[in-house]
Amino acid sequence: MLASAATLAFPDDTATTCLFTDASDVGWAVIVTQVKNYDIKVPVQDQQHQLIECQSGTFAGSQLNWTVIEKEAFPITHACEKLDYPLLRPQGFRIFCDHRILIHVFAPDEHVKKHVKGKLLR
């Protein structure tokens, strides 16, 4: 059992940092990895990832009434607030999620509308 357990790596400033997030109706998850020799031509699932951090949680109370986009955005904002040490790297980090609309919310060159930003910063 221990042989198949995940080994955590120390963040490396020269590696490419990856943030994977997902959410469901009742919970959320965050995984932070790094890839020493990231190749843009290779699919993300075929890269040599080193695990840095895993977190998850459940939605409670009024969070259960959030829209799908709010639930999908929550793990990203949570990671940016709580996991600054592994994410604040000179090269920045790459976000991977399964909700396409979030590209327009978190893209650096897109303007986030005031009413959306307020909901995401709860």
N, C-alpha and C. Protein backbone atom coordinates (compact mmCIF):
# COMPACT_ATOMS: atom_id res chain seq x y z
N MET A 1 0.82 -1.19 0.00
CA MET A 1 0.00 0.00 0.00
C MET A 1 0.87 1.26 0.00
N LEU A 2 1.91 1.29 0.80
CA LEU A 2 2.75 2.48 0.83
C LEU A 2 3.49 2.68 -0.48
N ALA A 3 3.78 1.60 -1.19
CA ALA A 3 4.49 1.73 -2.46
C ALA A 3 3.66 2.47 -3.50
N SER A 4 2.34 2.40 -3.40
CA SER A 4 1.49 3.09 -4.37
C SER A 4 1.00 4.46 -3.88
N ALA A 5 1.42 4.86 -2.69
CA ALA A 5 1.02 6.15 -2.14
C ALA A 5 1.70 7.28 -2.92
N ALA A 6 1.03 8.42 -3.02
CA ALA A 6 1.59 9.57 -3.73
C ALA A 6 2.69 10.21 -2.90
N THR A 7 3.74 10.64 -3.57
CA THR A 7 4.84 11.33 -2.92
C THR A 7 4.73 12.81 -3.25
N LEU A 8 4.82 13.65 -2.23
CA LEU A 8 4.75 15.10 -2.45
C LEU A 8 6.12 15.64 -2.82
N ALA A 9 6.14 16.59 -3.73
CA ALA A 9 7.38 17.24 -4.16
C ALA A 9 7.42 18.66 -3.60
N PHE A 10 8.63 19.20 -3.49
CA PHE A 10 8.79 20.60 -3.10
C PHE A 10 8.63 21.47 -4.35
N PRO A 11 7.98 22.62 -4.24
CA PRO A 11 7.83 23.49 -5.41
C PRO A 11 9.19 23.91 -5.97
N ASP A 12 9.30 23.90 -7.27
CA ASP A 12 10.52 24.24 -7.99
C ASP A 12 10.23 25.44 -8.89
N ASP A 13 10.97 26.52 -8.70
CA ASP A 13 10.74 27.74 -9.49
C ASP A 13 10.97 27.55 -10.98
N THR A 14 11.75 26.54 -11.36
CA THR A 14 12.03 26.33 -12.78
C THR A 14 10.99 25.43 -13.45
N ALA A 15 10.14 24.78 -12.68
CA ALA A 15 9.12 23.87 -13.22
C ALA A 15 7.85 24.64 -13.58
N THR A 16 7.04 24.04 -14.43
CA THR A 16 5.73 24.59 -14.78
C THR A 16 4.72 24.10 -13.76
N THR A 17 4.04 25.02 -13.10
CA THR A 17 3.05 24.67 -12.08
C THR A 17 1.67 24.55 -12.72
N CYS A 18 0.96 23.48 -12.34
CA CYS A 18 -0.37 23.20 -12.90
C CYS A 18 -1.39 23.13 -11.76
N LEU A 19 -2.52 23.77 -11.95
CA LEU A 19 -3.62 23.73 -10.99
C LEU A 19 -4.80 23.04 -11.66
N PHE A 20 -5.21 21.90 -11.10
CA PHE A 20 -6.37 21.15 -11.60
C PHE A 20 -7.50 21.33 -10.61
N THR A 21 -8.68 21.69 -11.09
CA THR A 21 -9.82 21.89 -10.20
C THR A 21 -11.06 21.20 -10.76
N ASP A 22 -11.96 20.87 -9.86
CA ASP A 22 -13.25 20.32 -10.27
C ASP A 22 -14.24 20.55 -9.14
N ALA A 23 -15.50 20.52 -9.49
CA ALA A 23 -16.57 20.67 -8.50
C ALA A 23 -17.77 19.86 -8.96
N SER A 24 -18.57 19.49 -7.98
CA SER A 24 -19.83 18.80 -8.26
C SER A 24 -20.93 19.57 -7.55
N ASP A 25 -22.11 19.00 -7.47
CA ASP A 25 -23.20 19.66 -6.75
C ASP A 25 -22.90 19.80 -5.27
N VAL A 26 -22.10 18.89 -4.72
CA VAL A 26 -21.90 18.87 -3.27
C VAL A 26 -20.46 19.09 -2.82
N GLY A 27 -19.48 19.09 -3.71
CA GLY A 27 -18.10 19.21 -3.26
C GLY A 27 -17.17 19.76 -4.33
N TRP A 28 -15.90 19.92 -3.94
CA TRP A 28 -14.89 20.50 -4.82
C TRP A 28 -13.53 19.85 -4.53
N ALA A 29 -12.61 19.98 -5.48
CA ALA A 29 -11.26 19.44 -5.31
C ALA A 29 -10.24 20.30 -6.04
N VAL A 30 -9.03 20.33 -5.47
CA VAL A 30 -7.91 21.07 -6.04
C VAL A 30 -6.68 20.17 -6.00
N ILE A 31 -5.96 20.10 -7.10
CA ILE A 31 -4.69 19.38 -7.15
C ILE A 31 -3.67 20.32 -7.79
N VAL A 32 -2.52 20.49 -7.12
CA VAL A 32 -1.43 21.30 -7.66
C VAL A 32 -0.27 20.36 -7.97
N THR A 33 0.22 20.44 -9.20
CA THR A 33 1.37 19.63 -9.61
C THR A 33 2.40 20.54 -10.26
N GLN A 34 3.56 19.97 -10.51
CA GLN A 34 4.57 20.67 -11.29
C GLN A 34 5.17 19.70 -12.30
N VAL A 35 5.60 20.26 -13.42
CA VAL A 35 6.23 19.47 -14.48
C VAL A 35 7.58 20.11 -14.76
N LYS A 36 8.64 19.35 -14.57
CA LYS A 36 10.00 19.91 -14.74
C LYS A 36 10.28 20.30 -16.19
N ASN A 37 9.90 19.48 -17.14
CA ASN A 37 10.16 19.76 -18.56
C ASN A 37 8.84 19.76 -19.32
N TYR A 38 8.05 20.78 -19.10
CA TYR A 38 6.73 20.86 -19.73
C TYR A 38 6.90 21.06 -21.23
N ASP A 39 6.20 20.24 -22.00
CA ASP A 39 6.23 20.33 -23.45
C ASP A 39 4.82 20.64 -23.94
N ILE A 40 4.63 21.80 -24.51
CA ILE A 40 3.31 22.25 -24.95
C ILE A 40 2.72 21.31 -26.00
N LYS A 41 3.56 20.57 -26.70
CA LYS A 41 3.09 19.65 -27.74
C LYS A 41 2.55 18.33 -27.17
N VAL A 42 2.85 18.06 -25.91
CA VAL A 42 2.43 16.81 -25.27
C VAL A 42 1.15 17.07 -24.48
N PRO A 43 0.12 16.22 -24.62
CA PRO A 43 -1.12 16.42 -23.84
C PRO A 43 -0.82 16.46 -22.34
N VAL A 44 -1.60 17.26 -21.63
CA VAL A 44 -1.35 17.47 -20.20
C VAL A 44 -1.35 16.15 -19.42
N GLN A 45 -2.20 15.21 -19.79
CA GLN A 45 -2.27 13.95 -19.06
C GLN A 45 -1.04 13.08 -19.30
N ASP A 46 -0.24 13.39 -20.32
CA ASP A 46 0.97 12.61 -20.62
C ASP A 46 2.24 13.25 -20.08
N GLN A 47 2.13 14.40 -19.46
CA GLN A 47 3.29 15.08 -18.86
C GLN A 47 3.72 14.32 -17.59
N GLN A 48 4.94 14.56 -17.16
CA GLN A 48 5.48 13.92 -15.95
C GLN A 48 5.20 14.82 -14.73
N HIS A 49 4.02 14.68 -14.15
CA HIS A 49 3.60 15.54 -13.03
C HIS A 49 4.20 15.06 -11.72
N GLN A 50 4.57 16.03 -10.89
CA GLN A 50 4.97 15.77 -9.51
C GLN A 50 3.92 16.44 -8.63
N LEU A 51 3.36 15.70 -7.70
CA LEU A 51 2.30 16.21 -6.84
C LEU A 51 2.87 17.17 -5.80
N ILE A 52 2.22 18.32 -5.66
CA ILE A 52 2.61 19.31 -4.65
C ILE A 52 1.55 19.42 -3.55
N GLU A 53 0.28 19.47 -3.92
CA GLU A 53 -0.79 19.72 -2.94
C GLU A 53 -2.11 19.14 -3.44
N CYS A 54 -2.90 18.62 -2.51
CA CYS A 54 -4.27 18.17 -2.78
C CYS A 54 -5.17 18.74 -1.69
N GLN A 55 -6.31 19.27 -2.08
CA GLN A 55 -7.31 19.72 -1.12
C GLN A 55 -8.69 19.44 -1.68
N SER A 56 -9.63 19.24 -0.78
CA SER A 56 -11.02 19.04 -1.21
C SER A 56 -11.93 19.47 -0.08
N GLY A 57 -13.20 19.60 -0.39
CA GLY A 57 -14.17 19.98 0.62
C GLY A 57 -15.58 19.81 0.10
N THR A 58 -16.52 20.07 0.96
CA THR A 58 -17.93 19.98 0.57
C THR A 58 -18.57 21.35 0.69
N PHE A 59 -19.57 21.57 -0.12
CA PHE A 59 -20.35 22.79 -0.03
C PHE A 59 -21.37 22.62 1.09
N ALA A 60 -21.63 23.71 1.81
CA ALA A 60 -22.57 23.64 2.93
C ALA A 60 -23.45 24.89 2.94
N GLY A 61 -24.60 24.76 3.54
CA GLY A 61 -25.51 25.90 3.69
C GLY A 61 -25.88 26.52 2.37
N SER A 62 -25.73 27.85 2.28
CA SER A 62 -26.12 28.58 1.07
C SER A 62 -25.24 28.24 -0.13
N GLN A 63 -24.04 27.70 0.12
CA GLN A 63 -23.17 27.30 -0.99
C GLN A 63 -23.84 26.25 -1.87
N LEU A 64 -24.68 25.43 -1.28
CA LEU A 64 -25.39 24.40 -2.03
C LEU A 64 -26.34 25.00 -3.06
N ASN A 65 -26.71 26.28 -2.88
CA ASN A 65 -27.61 26.96 -3.81
C ASN A 65 -26.87 27.74 -4.90
N TRP A 66 -25.54 27.74 -4.86
CA TRP A 66 -24.77 28.45 -5.87
C TRP A 66 -25.04 27.88 -7.25
N THR A 67 -24.82 28.70 -8.27
CA THR A 67 -24.94 28.24 -9.65
C THR A 67 -23.76 27.33 -9.99
N VAL A 68 -23.85 26.64 -11.11
CA VAL A 68 -22.78 25.73 -11.53
C VAL A 68 -21.47 26.50 -11.71
N ILE A 69 -21.52 27.66 -12.35
CA ILE A 69 -20.28 28.42 -12.58
C ILE A 69 -19.65 28.88 -11.26
N GLU A 70 -20.48 29.24 -10.28
CA GLU A 70 -19.94 29.64 -8.98
C GLU A 70 -19.27 28.46 -8.29
N LYS A 71 -19.88 27.29 -8.37
CA LYS A 71 -19.29 26.09 -7.76
C LYS A 71 -18.00 25.69 -8.47
N GLU A 72 -17.97 25.80 -9.79
CA GLU A 72 -16.77 25.45 -10.55
C GLU A 72 -15.65 26.47 -10.33
N ALA A 73 -15.99 27.74 -10.11
CA ALA A 73 -14.99 28.78 -9.87
C ALA A 73 -14.45 28.74 -8.45
N PHE A 74 -15.23 28.24 -7.51
CA PHE A 74 -14.81 28.26 -6.11
C PHE A 74 -13.46 27.61 -5.87
N PRO A 75 -13.18 26.39 -6.37
CA PRO A 75 -11.87 25.81 -6.07
C PRO A 75 -10.70 26.61 -6.65
N ILE A 76 -10.94 27.32 -7.75
CA ILE A 76 -9.87 28.16 -8.32
C ILE A 76 -9.59 29.33 -7.40
N THR A 77 -10.64 30.03 -6.97
CA THR A 77 -10.43 31.18 -6.07
C THR A 77 -9.89 30.71 -4.72
N HIS A 78 -10.36 29.56 -4.24
CA HIS A 78 -9.85 29.00 -2.98
C HIS A 78 -8.34 28.74 -3.10
N ALA A 79 -7.93 28.12 -4.19
CA ALA A 79 -6.51 27.82 -4.38
C ALA A 79 -5.68 29.10 -4.45
N CYS A 80 -6.17 30.11 -5.15
CA CYS A 80 -5.43 31.36 -5.27
C CYS A 80 -5.30 32.07 -3.92
N GLU A 81 -6.29 31.93 -3.06
CA GLU A 81 -6.24 32.56 -1.74
C GLU A 81 -5.42 31.75 -0.74
N LYS A 82 -5.58 30.44 -0.73
CA LYS A 82 -4.99 29.60 0.32
C LYS A 82 -3.68 28.92 -0.07
N LEU A 83 -3.42 28.77 -1.36
CA LEU A 83 -2.23 28.04 -1.80
C LEU A 83 -1.25 28.95 -2.52
N ASP A 84 -1.05 30.14 -1.97
CA ASP A 84 -0.16 31.08 -2.63
C ASP A 84 1.28 30.57 -2.69
N TYR A 85 1.73 29.84 -1.67
CA TYR A 85 3.12 29.36 -1.67
C TYR A 85 3.43 28.48 -2.88
N PRO A 86 2.65 27.44 -3.17
CA PRO A 86 2.99 26.64 -4.35
C PRO A 86 2.61 27.29 -5.68
N LEU A 87 1.67 28.24 -5.67
CA LEU A 87 1.21 28.82 -6.94
C LEU A 87 1.97 30.07 -7.37
N LEU A 88 2.49 30.83 -6.43
CA LEU A 88 3.20 32.06 -6.79
C LEU A 88 4.62 31.73 -7.23
N ARG A 89 4.77 31.44 -8.50
CA ARG A 89 6.04 31.08 -9.12
C ARG A 89 6.37 32.12 -10.18
N PRO A 90 7.66 32.30 -10.48
CA PRO A 90 8.05 33.30 -11.48
C PRO A 90 7.35 33.12 -12.83
N GLN A 91 7.07 31.87 -13.22
CA GLN A 91 6.42 31.61 -14.50
C GLN A 91 4.89 31.64 -14.41
N GLY A 92 4.35 31.87 -13.23
CA GLY A 92 2.91 31.79 -13.04
C GLY A 92 2.48 30.34 -12.97
N PHE A 93 1.21 30.06 -13.27
CA PHE A 93 0.73 28.68 -13.26
C PHE A 93 -0.36 28.50 -14.29
N ARG A 94 -0.59 27.26 -14.68
CA ARG A 94 -1.61 26.90 -15.66
C ARG A 94 -2.81 26.33 -14.93
N ILE A 95 -4.01 26.76 -15.33
CA ILE A 95 -5.25 26.26 -14.73
C ILE A 95 -5.91 25.28 -15.70
N PHE A 96 -6.31 24.12 -15.16
CA PHE A 96 -7.03 23.12 -15.93
C PHE A 96 -8.34 22.81 -15.21
N CYS A 97 -9.45 22.99 -15.92
CA CYS A 97 -10.76 22.68 -15.35
C CYS A 97 -11.66 22.17 -16.47
N ASP A 98 -12.82 21.68 -16.11
CA ASP A 98 -13.72 21.11 -17.11
C ASP A 98 -14.92 22.01 -17.41
N HIS A 99 -14.79 23.29 -17.10
CA HIS A 99 -15.90 24.22 -17.32
C HIS A 99 -15.41 25.35 -18.23
N ARG A 100 -15.73 25.27 -19.50
CA ARG A 100 -15.21 26.18 -20.52
C ARG A 100 -15.50 27.66 -20.26
N ILE A 101 -16.62 27.96 -19.68
CA ILE A 101 -17.00 29.36 -19.45
C ILE A 101 -16.00 30.06 -18.52
N LEU A 102 -15.33 29.31 -17.66
CA LEU A 102 -14.37 29.91 -16.74
C LEU A 102 -13.17 30.52 -17.46
N ILE A 103 -12.93 30.12 -18.69
CA ILE A 103 -11.85 30.75 -19.46
C ILE A 103 -12.11 32.24 -19.57
N HIS A 104 -13.36 32.63 -19.80
CA HIS A 104 -13.71 34.04 -19.93
C HIS A 104 -13.65 34.78 -18.59
N VAL A 105 -13.81 34.04 -17.51
CA VAL A 105 -13.76 34.67 -16.19
C VAL A 105 -12.32 34.88 -15.74
N PHE A 106 -11.46 33.88 -15.95
CA PHE A 106 -10.10 33.94 -15.42
C PHE A 106 -9.02 34.28 -16.44
N ALA A 107 -9.38 34.49 -17.71
CA ALA A 107 -8.38 34.84 -18.73
C ALA A 107 -7.81 36.21 -18.39
N PRO A 108 -6.48 36.37 -18.41
CA PRO A 108 -5.87 37.64 -18.01
C PRO A 108 -6.22 38.81 -18.92
N ASP A 109 -6.58 38.56 -20.17
CA ASP A 109 -6.88 39.66 -21.07
C ASP A 109 -8.37 39.95 -21.20
N GLU A 110 -9.17 39.27 -20.42
CA GLU A 110 -10.61 39.47 -20.45
C GLU A 110 -11.03 40.33 -19.26
N HIS A 111 -12.02 41.17 -19.45
CA HIS A 111 -12.54 42.00 -18.37
C HIS A 111 -13.63 41.23 -17.62
N VAL A 112 -13.46 41.09 -16.31
CA VAL A 112 -14.47 40.40 -15.51
C VAL A 112 -15.54 41.40 -15.11
N LYS A 113 -16.75 41.10 -15.46
CA LYS A 113 -17.85 42.01 -15.15
C LYS A 113 -18.03 42.12 -13.64
N LYS A 114 -18.41 43.31 -13.20
CA LYS A 114 -18.52 43.61 -11.78
C LYS A 114 -19.46 42.64 -11.05
N HIS A 115 -20.61 42.31 -11.61
CA HIS A 115 -21.56 41.44 -10.92
C HIS A 115 -21.03 40.00 -10.82
N VAL A 116 -20.19 39.56 -11.75
CA VAL A 116 -19.60 38.22 -11.68
C VAL A 116 -18.49 38.21 -10.65
N LYS A 117 -17.64 39.23 -10.65
CA LYS A 117 -16.52 39.30 -9.73
C LYS A 117 -16.99 39.27 -8.28
N GLY A 118 -18.06 39.98 -7.97
CA GLY A 118 -18.59 39.99 -6.62
C GLY A 118 -19.02 38.62 -6.14
N LYS A 119 -19.64 37.85 -7.01
CA LYS A 119 -20.07 36.50 -6.64
C LYS A 119 -18.89 35.57 -6.43
N LEU A 120 -17.84 35.72 -7.25
CA LEU A 120 -16.70 34.82 -7.16
C LEU A 120 -15.81 35.11 -5.96
N LEU A 121 -15.88 36.31 -5.42
CA LEU A 121 -15.02 36.68 -4.30
C LEU A 121 -15.69 36.49 -2.95
N ARG A 122 -16.74 35.70 -2.86
CA ARG A 122 -17.44 35.48 -1.59
C ARG A 122 -16.53 34.90 -0.55
